[in-house]
Amino acid sequence: AREDAPGFIINGEYMGAMLHELLREHPEMIAAGSDGSCP
């Protein structure tokens, strides 16, 4: 989930999205209290 080496989602609702952008929009997908940056 890095801007300099983005992983892409290749299935489902978010197919084609870059993981880091999705997590920035939905930080709760990482854990409660996340700022959207995957550790």
PDB file of all heavy atoms in Angstrom:
ATOM      1  N   ALA A   1       0.862  -1.185   0.000  1.00  0.00           N
ATOM      2  CA  ALA A   1       0.000   0.000   0.000  1.00  0.00           C
ATOM      3  C   ALA A   1       0.895   1.230   0.000  1.00  0.00           C
ATOM      4  O   ALA A   1       0.866   2.058   0.900  1.00  0.00           O
ATOM      5  CB  ALA A   1      -0.932  -0.005   1.207  1.00  0.00           C
ATOM      6  N   ARG A   2       1.736   1.310  -1.037  1.00  0.00           N
ATOM      7  CA  ARG A   2       2.705   2.396  -1.162  1.00  0.00           C
ATOM      8  C   ARG A   2       2.479   3.138  -2.474  1.00  0.00           C
ATOM      9  O   ARG A   2       2.216   2.523  -3.518  1.00  0.00           O
ATOM     10  CB  ARG A   2       4.139   1.835  -1.137  1.00  0.00           C
ATOM     11  CG  ARG A   2       4.528   1.145   0.148  1.00  0.00           C
ATOM     12  CD  ARG A   2       5.949   0.600   0.051  1.00  0.00           C
ATOM     13  NE  ARG A   2       6.918   1.636  -0.215  1.00  0.00           N
ATOM     14  CZ  ARG A   2       7.554   2.358   0.718  1.00  0.00           C
ATOM     15  NH1 ARG A   2       7.289   2.131   1.997  1.00  0.00           N
ATOM     16  NH2 ARG A   2       8.424   3.281   0.394  1.00  0.00           N
ATOM     17  N   GLU A   3       2.655   4.452  -2.434  1.00  0.00           N
ATOM     18  CA  GLU A   3       2.496   5.241  -3.651  1.00  0.00           C
ATOM     19  C   GLU A   3       3.597   4.932  -4.655  1.00  0.00           C
ATOM     20  O   GLU A   3       3.377   4.994  -5.874  1.00  0.00           O
ATOM     21  CB  GLU A   3       2.506   6.744  -3.314  1.00  0.00           C
ATOM     22  CG  GLU A   3       1.293   7.205  -2.541  1.00  0.00           C
ATOM     23  CD  GLU A   3       1.267   8.712  -2.361  1.00  0.00           C
ATOM     24  OE1 GLU A   3       1.895   9.410  -3.184  1.00  0.00           O
ATOM     25  OE2 GLU A   3       0.627   9.189  -1.404  1.00  0.00           O
ATOM     26  N   ASP A   4       4.806   4.599  -4.164  1.00  0.00           N
ATOM     27  CA  ASP A   4       5.922   4.350  -5.075  1.00  0.00           C
ATOM     28  C   ASP A   4       5.938   2.929  -5.617  1.00  0.00           C
ATOM     29  O   ASP A   4       6.733   2.615  -6.505  1.00  0.00           O
ATOM     30  CB  ASP A   4       7.253   4.668  -4.386  1.00  0.00           C
ATOM     31  CG  ASP A   4       7.486   3.842  -3.127  1.00  0.00           C
ATOM     32  OD1 ASP A   4       6.560   3.146  -2.684  1.00  0.00           O
ATOM     33  OD2 ASP A   4       8.606   3.900  -2.577  1.00  0.00           O
ATOM     34  N   ALA A   5       5.079   2.059  -5.113  1.00  0.00           N
ATOM     35  CA  ALA A   5       4.988   0.679  -5.602  1.00  0.00           C
ATOM     36  C   ALA A   5       3.577   0.176  -5.335  1.00  0.00           C
ATOM     37  O   ALA A   5       3.356  -0.708  -4.504  1.00  0.00           O
ATOM     38  CB  ALA A   5       6.018  -0.212  -4.915  1.00  0.00           C
ATOM     39  N   PRO A   6       2.594   0.737  -6.031  1.00  0.00           N
ATOM     40  CA  PRO A   6       1.202   0.454  -5.673  1.00  0.00           C
ATOM     41  C   PRO A   6       0.750  -0.943  -6.063  1.00  0.00           C
ATOM     42  O   PRO A   6       0.979  -1.403  -7.181  1.00  0.00           O
ATOM     43  CB  PRO A   6       0.420   1.514  -6.456  1.00  0.00           C
ATOM     44  CG  PRO A   6       1.291   1.854  -7.625  1.00  0.00           C
ATOM     45  CD  PRO A   6       2.695   1.733  -7.110  1.00  0.00           C
ATOM     46  N   GLY A   7       0.124  -1.623  -5.103  1.00  0.00           N
ATOM     47  CA  GLY A   7      -0.563  -2.857  -5.398  1.00  0.00           C
ATOM     48  C   GLY A   7      -1.989  -2.545  -5.824  1.00  0.00           C
ATOM     49  O   GLY A   7      -2.633  -1.627  -5.286  1.00  0.00           O
ATOM     50  N   PHE A   8      -2.494  -3.302  -6.795  1.00  0.00           N
ATOM     51  CA  PHE A   8      -3.839  -3.090  -7.317  1.00  0.00           C
ATOM     52  C   PHE A   8      -4.771  -4.212  -6.863  1.00  0.00           C
ATOM     53  O   PHE A   8      -4.357  -5.373  -6.751  1.00  0.00           O
ATOM     54  CB  PHE A   8      -3.826  -3.044  -8.845  1.00  0.00           C
ATOM     55  CG  PHE A   8      -3.262  -1.778  -9.415  1.00  0.00           C
ATOM     56  CD1 PHE A   8      -1.897  -1.599  -9.537  1.00  0.00           C
ATOM     57  CD2 PHE A   8      -4.103  -0.750  -9.829  1.00  0.00           C
ATOM     58  CE1 PHE A   8      -1.368  -0.436 -10.074  1.00  0.00           C
ATOM     59  CE2 PHE A   8      -3.590   0.423 -10.361  1.00  0.00           C
ATOM     60  CZ  PHE A   8      -2.220   0.582 -10.482  1.00  0.00           C
ATOM     61  N   ILE A   9      -6.026  -3.865  -6.643  1.00  0.00           N
ATOM     62  CA  ILE A   9      -7.062  -4.854  -6.349  1.00  0.00           C
ATOM     63  C   ILE A   9      -7.588  -5.378  -7.678  1.00  0.00           C
ATOM     64  O   ILE A   9      -7.902  -4.587  -8.576  1.00  0.00           O
ATOM     65  CB  ILE A   9      -8.180  -4.226  -5.510  1.00  0.00           C
ATOM     66  CG1 ILE A   9      -7.614  -3.757  -4.164  1.00  0.00           C
ATOM     67  CG2 ILE A   9      -9.322  -5.227  -5.289  1.00  0.00           C
ATOM     68  CD1 ILE A   9      -8.491  -2.788  -3.429  1.00  0.00           C
ATOM     69  N   ILE A  10      -7.660  -6.682  -7.822  1.00  0.00           N
ATOM     70  CA  ILE A  10      -7.981  -7.251  -9.135  1.00  0.00           C
ATOM     71  C   ILE A  10      -9.282  -8.045  -9.132  1.00  0.00           C
ATOM     72  O   ILE A  10      -9.537  -8.836 -10.043  1.00  0.00           O
ATOM     73  CB  ILE A  10      -6.815  -8.124  -9.655  1.00  0.00           C
ATOM     74  CG1 ILE A  10      -6.494  -9.280  -8.703  1.00  0.00           C
ATOM     75  CG2 ILE A  10      -5.574  -7.275  -9.873  1.00  0.00           C
ATOM     76  CD1 ILE A  10      -5.412 -10.231  -9.246  1.00  0.00           C
ATOM     77  N   ASN A  11     -10.142  -7.810  -8.139  1.00  0.00           N
ATOM     78  CA  ASN A  11     -11.444  -8.485  -8.129  1.00  0.00           C
ATOM     79  C   ASN A  11     -12.480  -7.613  -7.415  1.00  0.00           C
ATOM     80  O   ASN A  11     -12.145  -6.690  -6.669  1.00  0.00           O
ATOM     81  CB  ASN A  11     -11.348  -9.850  -7.442  1.00  0.00           C
ATOM     82  CG  ASN A  11     -11.131  -9.739  -5.932  1.00  0.00           C
ATOM     83  OD1 ASN A  11     -10.517  -8.792  -5.441  1.00  0.00           O
ATOM     84  ND2 ASN A  11     -11.626 -10.720  -5.201  1.00  0.00           N
ATOM     85  N   GLY A  12     -13.742  -7.907  -7.656  1.00  0.00           N
ATOM     86  CA  GLY A  12     -14.830  -7.360  -6.865  1.00  0.00           C
ATOM     87  C   GLY A  12     -15.113  -5.887  -7.035  1.00  0.00           C
ATOM     88  O   GLY A  12     -14.756  -5.246  -8.025  1.00  0.00           O
ATOM     89  N   GLU A  13     -15.756  -5.338  -6.034  1.00  0.00           N
ATOM     90  CA  GLU A  13     -16.251  -3.963  -6.026  1.00  0.00           C
ATOM     91  C   GLU A  13     -15.162  -2.946  -6.345  1.00  0.00           C
ATOM     92  O   GLU A  13     -15.392  -1.959  -7.041  1.00  0.00           O
ATOM     93  CB  GLU A  13     -16.857  -3.657  -4.651  1.00  0.00           C
ATOM     94  CG  GLU A  13     -17.359  -2.235  -4.455  1.00  0.00           C
ATOM     95  CD  GLU A  13     -18.695  -1.968  -5.111  1.00  0.00           C
ATOM     96  OE1 GLU A  13     -19.366  -2.952  -5.483  1.00  0.00           O
ATOM     97  OE2 GLU A  13     -19.069  -0.786  -5.244  1.00  0.00           O
ATOM     98  N   TYR A  14     -13.966  -3.167  -5.823  1.00  0.00           N
ATOM     99  CA  TYR A  14     -12.883  -2.183  -5.969  1.00  0.00           C
ATOM    100  C   TYR A  14     -11.854  -2.596  -7.027  1.00  0.00           C
ATOM    101  O   TYR A  14     -10.727  -2.102  -7.013  1.00  0.00           O
ATOM    102  CB  TYR A  14     -12.201  -1.970  -4.627  1.00  0.00           C
ATOM    103  CG  TYR A  14     -13.136  -1.477  -3.547  1.00  0.00           C
ATOM    104  CD1 TYR A  14     -13.449  -2.278  -2.445  1.00  0.00           C
ATOM    105  CD2 TYR A  14     -13.739  -0.224  -3.636  1.00  0.00           C
ATOM    106  CE1 TYR A  14     -14.307  -1.832  -1.453  1.00  0.00           C
ATOM    107  CE2 TYR A  14     -14.608   0.228  -2.644  1.00  0.00           C
ATOM    108  CZ  TYR A  14     -14.892  -0.590  -1.558  1.00  0.00           C
ATOM    109  OH  TYR A  14     -15.760  -0.146  -0.595  1.00  0.00           O
ATOM    110  N   MET A  15     -12.233  -3.474  -7.944  1.00  0.00           N
ATOM    111  CA  MET A  15     -11.299  -3.927  -8.964  1.00  0.00           C
ATOM    112  C   MET A  15     -10.701  -2.742  -9.723  1.00  0.00           C
ATOM    113  O   MET A  15     -11.422  -1.845 -10.157  1.00  0.00           O
ATOM    114  CB  MET A  15     -11.981  -4.866  -9.957  1.00  0.00           C
ATOM    115  CG  MET A  15     -11.039  -5.472 -10.993  1.00  0.00           C
ATOM    116  SD  MET A  15     -11.778  -6.841 -11.933  1.00  0.00           S
ATOM    117  CE  MET A  15     -13.172  -6.002 -12.700  1.00  0.00           C
ATOM    118  N   GLY A  16      -9.374  -2.730  -9.842  1.00  0.00           N
ATOM    119  CA  GLY A  16      -8.667  -1.657 -10.522  1.00  0.00           C
ATOM    120  C   GLY A  16      -8.183  -0.554  -9.609  1.00  0.00           C
ATOM    121  O   GLY A  16      -7.377   0.283 -10.018  1.00  0.00           O
ATOM    122  N   ALA A  17      -8.657  -0.547  -8.360  1.00  0.00           N
ATOM    123  CA  ALA A  17      -8.231   0.490  -7.409  1.00  0.00           C
ATOM    124  C   ALA A  17      -6.844   0.180  -6.867  1.00  0.00           C
ATOM    125  O   ALA A  17      -6.462  -0.989  -6.711  1.00  0.00           O
ATOM    126  CB  ALA A  17      -9.221   0.594  -6.263  1.00  0.00           C
ATOM    127  N   MET A  18      -6.075   1.224  -6.586  1.00  0.00           N
ATOM    128  CA  MET A  18      -4.799   1.060  -5.908  1.00  0.00           C
ATOM    129  C   MET A  18      -5.053   0.931  -4.407  1.00  0.00           C
ATOM    130  O   MET A  18      -5.836   1.697  -3.841  1.00  0.00           O
ATOM    131  CB  MET A  18      -3.883   2.240  -6.203  1.00  0.00           C
ATOM    132  CG  MET A  18      -3.361   2.252  -7.625  1.00  0.00           C
ATOM    133  SD  MET A  18      -2.176   3.588  -7.969  1.00  0.00           S
ATOM    134  CE  MET A  18      -3.299   4.980  -8.098  1.00  0.00           C
ATOM    135  N   LEU A  19      -4.406  -0.039  -3.782  1.00  0.00           N
ATOM    136  CA  LEU A  19      -4.688  -0.333  -2.377  1.00  0.00           C
ATOM    137  C   LEU A  19      -4.447   0.879  -1.494  1.00  0.00           C
ATOM    138  O   LEU A  19      -5.259   1.165  -0.599  1.00  0.00           O
ATOM    139  CB  LEU A  19      -3.838  -1.517  -1.908  1.00  0.00           C
ATOM    140  CG  LEU A  19      -4.083  -1.979  -0.467  1.00  0.00           C
ATOM    141  CD1 LEU A  19      -5.527  -2.436  -0.271  1.00  0.00           C
ATOM    142  CD2 LEU A  19      -3.111  -3.104  -0.098  1.00  0.00           C
ATOM    143  N   HIS A  20      -3.374   1.631  -1.729  1.00  0.00           N
ATOM    144  CA  HIS A  20      -3.080   2.746  -0.833  1.00  0.00           C
ATOM    145  C   HIS A  20      -4.151   3.835  -0.932  1.00  0.00           C
ATOM    146  O   HIS A  20      -4.468   4.494   0.060  1.00  0.00           O
ATOM    147  CB  HIS A  20      -1.686   3.320  -1.095  1.00  0.00           C
ATOM    148  CG  HIS A  20      -1.548   4.086  -2.361  1.00  0.00           C
ATOM    149  ND1 HIS A  20      -1.294   3.475  -3.573  1.00  0.00           N
ATOM    150  CD2 HIS A  20      -1.616   5.426  -2.623  1.00  0.00           C
ATOM    151  CE1 HIS A  20      -1.205   4.389  -4.520  1.00  0.00           C
ATOM    152  NE2 HIS A  20      -1.401   5.577  -3.979  1.00  0.00           N
ATOM    153  N   GLU A  21      -4.718   4.019  -2.120  1.00  0.00           N
ATOM    154  CA  GLU A  21      -5.767   5.028  -2.266  1.00  0.00           C
ATOM    155  C   GLU A  21      -7.057   4.580  -1.585  1.00  0.00           C
ATOM    156  O   GLU A  21      -7.747   5.387  -0.951  1.00  0.00           O
ATOM    157  CB  GLU A  21      -6.010   5.325  -3.740  1.00  0.00           C
ATOM    158  CG  GLU A  21      -4.864   6.075  -4.407  1.00  0.00           C
ATOM    159  CD  GLU A  21      -5.186   6.499  -5.822  1.00  0.00           C
ATOM    160  OE1 GLU A  21      -6.187   6.005  -6.382  1.00  0.00           O
ATOM    161  OE2 GLU A  21      -4.432   7.335  -6.367  1.00  0.00           O
ATOM    162  N   LEU A  22      -7.387   3.292  -1.714  1.00  0.00           N
ATOM    163  CA  LEU A  22      -8.583   2.781  -1.049  1.00  0.00           C
ATOM    164  C   LEU A  22      -8.456   2.909   0.464  1.00  0.00           C
ATOM    165  O   LEU A  22      -9.410   3.317   1.146  1.00  0.00           O
ATOM    166  CB  LEU A  22      -8.804   1.316  -1.438  1.00  0.00           C
ATOM    167  CG  LEU A  22     -10.007   0.637  -0.786  1.00  0.00           C
ATOM    168  CD1 LEU A  22     -11.310   1.281  -1.243  1.00  0.00           C
ATOM    169  CD2 LEU A  22     -10.010  -0.862  -1.068  1.00  0.00           C
ATOM    170  N   LEU A  23      -7.288   2.581   1.006  1.00  0.00           N
ATOM    171  CA  LEU A  23      -7.107   2.641   2.459  1.00  0.00           C
ATOM    172  C   LEU A  23      -7.067   4.074   2.961  1.00  0.00           C
ATOM    173  O   LEU A  23      -7.470   4.342   4.100  1.00  0.00           O
ATOM    174  CB  LEU A  23      -5.831   1.885   2.848  1.00  0.00           C
ATOM    175  CG  LEU A  23      -5.840   0.387   2.521  1.00  0.00           C
ATOM    176  CD1 LEU A  23      -4.552  -0.271   3.005  1.00  0.00           C
ATOM    177  CD2 LEU A  23      -7.056  -0.300   3.119  1.00  0.00           C
ATOM    178  N   ARG A  24      -6.598   4.981   2.151  1.00  0.00           N
ATOM    179  CA  ARG A  24      -6.642   6.386   2.531  1.00  0.00           C
ATOM    180  C   ARG A  24      -8.091   6.862   2.652  1.00  0.00           C
ATOM    181  O   ARG A  24      -8.434   7.649   3.534  1.00  0.00           O
ATOM    182  CB  ARG A  24      -5.885   7.219   1.506  1.00  0.00           C
ATOM    183  CG  ARG A  24      -5.672   8.680   1.918  1.00  0.00           C
ATOM    184  CD  ARG A  24      -4.902   9.421   0.849  1.00  0.00           C
ATOM    185  NE  ARG A  24      -3.581   8.850   0.651  1.00  0.00           N
ATOM    186  CZ  ARG A  24      -2.945   8.826  -0.509  1.00  0.00           C
ATOM    187  NH1 ARG A  24      -3.521   9.319  -1.603  1.00  0.00           N
ATOM    188  NH2 ARG A  24      -1.743   8.313  -0.601  1.00  0.00           N
ATOM    189  N   GLU A  25      -8.945   6.366   1.754  1.00  0.00           N
ATOM    190  CA  GLU A  25     -10.361   6.735   1.776  1.00  0.00           C
ATOM    191  C   GLU A  25     -11.118   5.996   2.879  1.00  0.00           C
ATOM    192  O   GLU A  25     -12.061   6.538   3.456  1.00  0.00           O
ATOM    193  CB  GLU A  25     -10.994   6.417   0.420  1.00  0.00           C
ATOM    194  CG  GLU A  25     -12.454   6.812   0.306  1.00  0.00           C
ATOM    195  CD  GLU A  25     -13.012   6.539  -1.070  1.00  0.00           C
ATOM    196  OE1 GLU A  25     -12.239   6.191  -1.992  1.00  0.00           O
ATOM    197  OE2 GLU A  25     -14.249   6.679  -1.237  1.00  0.00           O
ATOM    198  N   HIS A  26     -10.678   4.759   3.173  1.00  0.00           N
ATOM    199  CA  HIS A  26     -11.363   3.930   4.173  1.00  0.00           C
ATOM    200  C   HIS A  26     -10.339   3.378   5.169  1.00  0.00           C
ATOM    201  O   HIS A  26     -10.037   2.176   5.170  1.00  0.00           O
ATOM    202  CB  HIS A  26     -12.103   2.780   3.503  1.00  0.00           C
ATOM    203  CG  HIS A  26     -13.241   3.202   2.634  1.00  0.00           C
ATOM    204  ND1 HIS A  26     -14.419   3.728   3.144  1.00  0.00           N
ATOM    205  CD2 HIS A  26     -13.378   3.193   1.282  1.00  0.00           C
ATOM    206  CE1 HIS A  26     -15.243   4.006   2.154  1.00  0.00           C
ATOM    207  NE2 HIS A  26     -14.638   3.707   1.014  1.00  0.00           N
ATOM    208  N   PRO A  27      -9.789   4.215   6.043  1.00  0.00           N
ATOM    209  CA  PRO A  27      -8.759   3.743   6.977  1.00  0.00           C
ATOM    210  C   PRO A  27      -9.267   2.688   7.943  1.00  0.00           C
ATOM    211  O   PRO A  27      -8.475   1.915   8.492  1.00  0.00           O
ATOM    212  CB  PRO A  27      -8.337   5.021   7.709  1.00  0.00           C
ATOM    213  CG  PRO A  27      -9.489   5.962   7.541  1.00  0.00           C
ATOM    214  CD  PRO A  27     -10.058   5.658   6.194  1.00  0.00           C
ATOM    215  N   GLU A  28     -10.586   2.643   8.150  1.00  0.00           N
ATOM    216  CA  GLU A  28     -11.139   1.639   9.052  1.00  0.00           C
ATOM    217  C   GLU A  28     -10.918   0.224   8.530  1.00  0.00           C
ATOM    218  O   GLU A  28     -11.032  -0.753   9.287  1.00  0.00           O
ATOM    219  CB  GLU A  28     -12.635   1.891   9.278  1.00  0.00           C
ATOM    220  CG  GLU A  28     -13.555   1.560   8.106  1.00  0.00           C
ATOM    221  CD  GLU A  28     -13.614   2.632   7.013  1.00  0.00           C
ATOM    222  OE1 GLU A  28     -12.903   3.655   7.154  1.00  0.00           O
ATOM    223  OE2 GLU A  28     -14.381   2.454   6.055  1.00  0.00           O
ATOM    224  N   MET A  29     -10.598   0.079   7.242  1.00  0.00           N
ATOM    225  CA  MET A  29     -10.287  -1.250   6.705  1.00  0.00           C
ATOM    226  C   MET A  29      -8.981  -1.796   7.278  1.00  0.00           C
ATOM    227  O   MET A  29      -8.766  -3.013   7.277  1.00  0.00           O
ATOM    228  CB  MET A  29     -10.190  -1.199   5.179  1.00  0.00           C
ATOM    229  CG  MET A  29     -11.499  -1.031   4.462  1.00  0.00           C
ATOM    230  SD  MET A  29     -11.220  -1.150   2.669  1.00  0.00           S
ATOM    231  CE  MET A  29     -12.908  -1.066   2.051  1.00  0.00           C
ATOM    232  N   ILE A  30      -8.108  -0.912   7.744  1.00  0.00           N
ATOM    233  CA  ILE A  30      -6.847  -1.346   8.364  1.00  0.00           C
ATOM    234  C   ILE A  30      -7.111  -1.743   9.810  1.00  0.00           C
ATOM    235  O   ILE A  30      -6.850  -2.869  10.229  1.00  0.00           O
ATOM    236  CB  ILE A  30      -5.787  -0.235   8.283  1.00  0.00           C
ATOM    237  CG1 ILE A  30      -5.472   0.088   6.820  1.00  0.00           C
ATOM    238  CG2 ILE A  30      -4.521  -0.641   9.040  1.00  0.00           C
ATOM    239  CD1 ILE A  30      -4.552   1.272   6.638  1.00  0.00           C
ATOM    240  N   ALA A  31      -7.617  -0.800  10.575  1.00  0.00           N
ATOM    241  CA  ALA A  31      -7.973  -1.016  11.986  1.00  0.00           C
ATOM    242  C   ALA A  31      -8.548   0.279  12.519  1.00  0.00           C
ATOM    243  O   ALA A  31      -8.300   1.362  11.950  1.00  0.00           O
ATOM    244  CB  ALA A  31      -6.754  -1.438  12.805  1.00  0.00           C
ATOM    245  N   ALA A  32      -9.280   0.191  13.599  1.00  0.00           N
ATOM    246  CA  ALA A  32      -9.796   1.406  14.231  1.00  0.00           C
ATOM    247  C   ALA A  32      -8.636   2.283  14.672  1.00  0.00           C
ATOM    248  O   ALA A  32      -7.644   1.791  15.218  1.00  0.00           O
ATOM    249  CB  ALA A  32     -10.667   1.040  15.428  1.00  0.00           C
ATOM    250  N   GLY A  33      -8.726   3.572  14.401  1.00  0.00           N
ATOM    251  CA  GLY A  33      -7.673   4.503  14.782  1.00  0.00           C
ATOM    252  C   GLY A  33      -6.610   4.688  13.728  1.00  0.00           C
ATOM    253  O   GLY A  33      -5.693   5.496  13.905  1.00  0.00           O
ATOM    254  N   SER A  34      -6.695   3.955  12.605  1.00  0.00           N
ATOM    255  CA  SER A  34      -5.692   4.094  11.544  1.00  0.00           C
ATOM    256  C   SER A  34      -5.844   5.432  10.833  1.00  0.00           C
ATOM    257  O   SER A  34      -6.954   5.952  10.675  1.00  0.00           O
ATOM    258  CB  SER A  34      -5.851   2.956  10.532  1.00  0.00           C
ATOM    259  OG  SER A  34      -5.055   3.179   9.392  1.00  0.00           O
ATOM    260  N   ASP A  35      -4.709   5.965  10.372  1.00  0.00           N
ATOM    261  CA  ASP A  35      -4.728   7.184   9.569  1.00  0.00           C
ATOM    262  C   ASP A  35      -4.766   6.876   8.074  1.00  0.00           C
ATOM    263  O   ASP A  35      -4.654   7.779   7.245  1.00  0.00           O
ATOM    264  CB  ASP A  35      -3.525   8.071   9.894  1.00  0.00           C
ATOM    265  CG  ASP A  35      -2.183   7.392   9.557  1.00  0.00           C
ATOM    266  OD1 ASP A  35      -2.193   6.244   9.050  1.00  0.00           O
ATOM    267  OD2 ASP A  35      -1.136   8.023   9.797  1.00  0.00           O
ATOM    268  N   GLY A  36      -4.916   5.575   7.727  1.00  0.00           N
ATOM    269  CA  GLY A  36      -4.965   5.177   6.331  1.00  0.00           C
ATOM    270  C   GLY A  36      -3.634   4.720   5.777  1.00  0.00           C
ATOM    271  O   GLY A  36      -3.549   4.317   4.615  1.00  0.00           O
ATOM    272  N   SER A  37      -2.593   4.784   6.600  1.00  0.00           N
ATOM    273  CA  SER A  37      -1.272   4.318   6.184  1.00  0.00           C
ATOM    274  C   SER A  37      -1.080   2.886   6.669  1.00  0.00           C
ATOM    275  O   SER A  37      -1.079   2.632   7.878  1.00  0.00           O
ATOM    276  CB  SER A  37      -0.186   5.217   6.769  1.00  0.00           C
ATOM    277  OG  SER A  37       1.095   4.694   6.534  1.00  0.00           O
ATOM    278  N   CYS A  38      -0.921   1.940   5.730  1.00  0.00           N
ATOM    279  CA  CYS A  38      -0.766   0.542   6.116  1.00  0.00           C
ATOM    280  C   CYS A  38       0.608   0.334   6.756  1.00  0.00           C
ATOM    281  O   CYS A  38       1.628   0.670   6.138  1.00  0.00           O
ATOM    282  CB  CYS A  38      -0.929  -0.358   4.897  1.00  0.00           C
ATOM    283  SG  CYS A  38      -0.879  -2.121   5.303  1.00  0.00           S
ATOM    284  N   PRO A  39       0.676  -0.227   7.961  1.00  0.00           N
ATOM    285  CA  PRO A  39       1.963  -0.346   8.650  1.00  0.00           C
ATOM    286  C   PRO A  39       2.863  -1.459   8.129  1.00  0.00           C
ATOM    287  O   PRO A  39       4.025  -1.526   8.519  1.00  0.00           O
ATOM    288  CB  PRO A  39       1.561  -0.636  10.102  1.00  0.00           C
ATOM    289  CG  PRO A  39       0.099  -0.366  10.177  1.00  0.00           C
ATOM    290  CD  PRO A  39      -0.445  -0.617   8.812  1.00  0.00           C
TER     291      PRO A  39
END
